[in-house]
C-alpha atoms as a PDB file:
ATOM      1  CA  UNK A   1      -6.661  -4.512 -11.783  1.00  0.00           C
ATOM      2  CA  UNK A   2      -8.028  -8.184 -11.070  1.00  0.00           C
ATOM      3  CA  UNK A   3      -8.635  -9.262  -7.597  1.00  0.00           C
ATOM      4  CA  UNK A   4      -5.811 -11.607  -8.299  1.00  0.00           C
ATOM      5  CA  UNK A   5      -3.507  -9.464  -9.506  1.00  0.00           C
ATOM      6  CA  UNK A   6      -4.592  -7.200  -7.025  1.00  0.00           C
ATOM      7  CA  UNK A   7      -3.485 -10.111  -4.140  1.00  0.00           C
ATOM      8  CA  UNK A   8      -0.188 -11.110  -6.000  1.00  0.00           C
ATOM      9  CA  UNK A   9       1.043  -7.218  -6.153  1.00  0.00           C
ATOM     10  CA  UNK A  10      -0.044  -6.926  -2.660  1.00  0.00           C
ATOM     11  CA  UNK A  11       2.338 -10.257  -1.653  1.00  0.00           C
ATOM     12  CA  UNK A  12       4.702  -8.593  -2.790  1.00  0.00           C
ATOM     13  CA  UNK A  13       4.956  -4.597  -2.208  1.00  0.00           C
ATOM     14  CA  UNK A  14       2.147  -3.720   0.217  1.00  0.00           C
ATOM     15  CA  UNK A  15       4.435  -4.317   3.468  1.00  0.00           C
ATOM     16  CA  UNK A  16       7.251  -2.206   1.755  1.00  0.00           C
ATOM     17  CA  UNK A  17       4.529   0.373   0.142  1.00  0.00           C
ATOM     18  CA  UNK A  18       3.254   1.349   3.968  1.00  0.00           C
ATOM     19  CA  UNK A  19       7.127   1.043   5.429  1.00  0.00           C
ATOM     20  CA  UNK A  20       8.012   3.501   2.758  1.00  0.00           C
ATOM     21  CA  UNK A  21       4.944   5.775   3.076  1.00  0.00           C
ATOM     22  CA  UNK A  22       5.622   5.959   6.837  1.00  0.00           C
ATOM     23  CA  UNK A  23       9.473   6.995   6.350  1.00  0.00           C
ATOM     24  CA  UNK A  24       8.831   9.604   4.096  1.00  0.00           C
ATOM     25  CA  UNK A  25       5.978  10.795   6.618  1.00  0.00           C
ATOM     26  CA  UNK A  26       3.270  11.027   4.195  1.00  0.00           C
ATOM     27  CA  UNK A  27       1.520   8.411   6.848  1.00  0.00           C
ATOM     28  CA  UNK A  28       1.608   7.598  10.292  1.00  0.00           C
ATOM     29  CA  UNK A  29       2.907   4.507  11.587  1.00  0.00           C
ATOM     30  CA  UNK A  30      -1.103   4.116  13.313  1.00  0.00           C
ATOM     31  CA  UNK A  31      -2.342   4.808   9.817  1.00  0.00           C
ATOM     32  CA  UNK A  32      -0.252   2.201   8.194  1.00  0.00           C
ATOM     33  CA  UNK A  33      -1.625  -0.197  11.347  1.00  0.00           C
ATOM     34  CA  UNK A  34      -5.601   0.956  10.943  1.00  0.00           C
ATOM     35  CA  UNK A  35      -5.072   0.291   6.920  1.00  0.00           C
ATOM     36  CA  UNK A  36      -3.290  -3.076   7.242  1.00  0.00           C
ATOM     37  CA  UNK A  37      -6.460  -3.939   9.590  1.00  0.00           C
ATOM     38  CA  UNK A  38      -9.242  -2.665   7.055  1.00  0.00           C
ATOM     39  CA  UNK A  39      -7.120  -4.676   4.235  1.00  0.00           C
ATOM     40  CA  UNK A  40      -7.214  -7.945   6.478  1.00  0.00           C
ATOM     41  CA  UNK A  41     -10.766  -7.696   7.174  1.00  0.00           C
ATOM     42  CA  UNK A  42     -11.684  -6.929   3.805  1.00  0.00           C
ATOM     43  CA  UNK A  43      -9.966 -10.381   3.023  1.00  0.00           C
ATOM     44  CA  UNK A  44     -11.512 -12.624   5.651  1.00  0.00           C
ATOM     45  CA  UNK A  45     -14.956 -10.804   4.662  1.00  0.00           C
ATOM     46  CA  UNK A  46     -14.747 -12.018   1.186  1.00  0.00           C
ATOM     47  CA  UNK A  47     -14.418  -8.379  -0.265  1.00  0.00           C
ATOM     48  CA  UNK A  48     -12.074  -7.514  -2.966  1.00  0.00           C
ATOM     49  CA  UNK A  49      -8.566  -7.187  -1.903  1.00  0.00           C
ATOM     50  CA  UNK A  50      -7.462  -3.257  -1.643  1.00  0.00           C
ATOM     51  CA  UNK A  51      -3.964  -2.507  -2.069  1.00  0.00           C
ATOM     52  CA  UNK A  52      -2.684  -0.106   0.718  1.00  0.00           C
ATOM     53  CA  UNK A  53      -2.234   2.977  -1.953  1.00  0.00           C
ATOM     54  CA  UNK A  54      -5.702   2.497  -2.502  1.00  0.00           C
ATOM     55  CA  UNK A  55      -7.113   2.612   0.941  1.00  0.00           C
ATOM     56  CA  UNK A  56      -4.650   5.521   1.519  1.00  0.00           C
ATOM     57  CA  UNK A  57      -6.340   7.512  -0.937  1.00  0.00           C
ATOM     58  CA  UNK A  58     -10.003   6.671  -0.630  1.00  0.00           C
ATOM     59  CA  UNK A  59      -9.030   7.498   3.307  1.00  0.00           C
ATOM     60  CA  UNK A  60      -8.008  11.101   1.655  1.00  0.00           C
ATOM     61  CA  UNK A  61      -4.461  10.311   3.328  1.00  0.00           C
ATOM     62  CA  UNK A  62      -2.545  10.247   0.171  1.00  0.00           C
ATOM     63  CA  UNK A  63      -2.624  12.002  -3.346  1.00  0.00           C
ATOM     64  CA  UNK A  64      -2.025   9.860  -6.447  1.00  0.00           C
ATOM     65  CA  UNK A  65       1.099  11.975  -6.798  1.00  0.00           C
ATOM     66  CA  UNK A  66       2.009  11.048  -3.401  1.00  0.00           C
ATOM     67  CA  UNK A  67       1.381   7.249  -4.402  1.00  0.00           C
ATOM     68  CA  UNK A  68       3.274   7.841  -7.179  1.00  0.00           C
ATOM     69  CA  UNK A  69       6.280   8.891  -5.148  1.00  0.00           C
ATOM     70  CA  UNK A  70       6.258   5.884  -2.827  1.00  0.00           C
ATOM     71  CA  UNK A  71       6.035   3.680  -5.711  1.00  0.00           C
ATOM     72  CA  UNK A  72       8.919   5.502  -7.919  1.00  0.00           C
ATOM     73  CA  UNK A  73      11.406   5.136  -4.566  1.00  0.00           C
ATOM     74  CA  UNK A  74       9.852   1.410  -3.594  1.00  0.00           C
ATOM     75  CA  UNK A  75      10.849   0.328  -7.484  1.00  0.00           C
ATOM     76  CA  UNK A  76      13.991   2.454  -7.073  1.00  0.00           C
ATOM     77  CA  UNK A  77      15.097   0.038  -4.070  1.00  0.00           C
ATOM     78  CA  UNK A  78      14.026  -2.959  -6.049  1.00  0.00           C
ATOM     79  CA  UNK A  79      16.217  -2.148  -8.882  1.00  0.00           C
ATOM     80  CA  UNK A  80      19.518  -1.471  -6.395  1.00  0.00           C
ATOM     81  CA  UNK A  81      18.685  -5.094  -4.823  1.00  0.00           C
ATOM     82  CA  UNK A  82      18.964  -6.694  -8.042  1.00  0.00           C
END
């Protein structure tokens, strides 16, 4: 995924992705805060932007299947709002 596309997706979905992951008890609030801080440090230091799911996966906190579960819930909520 390109850095620009990742940043655009994150501006729409990242905060909600993290909230849903906490609601599903896949991660803790503390883990979400840590990942958001890591994401912000990447941005400030000019490193490629990473989506929260990528950070959680890299930290061993979530599996690809769990990321899919969060995304499925996120997208189903989006459809209900439209």
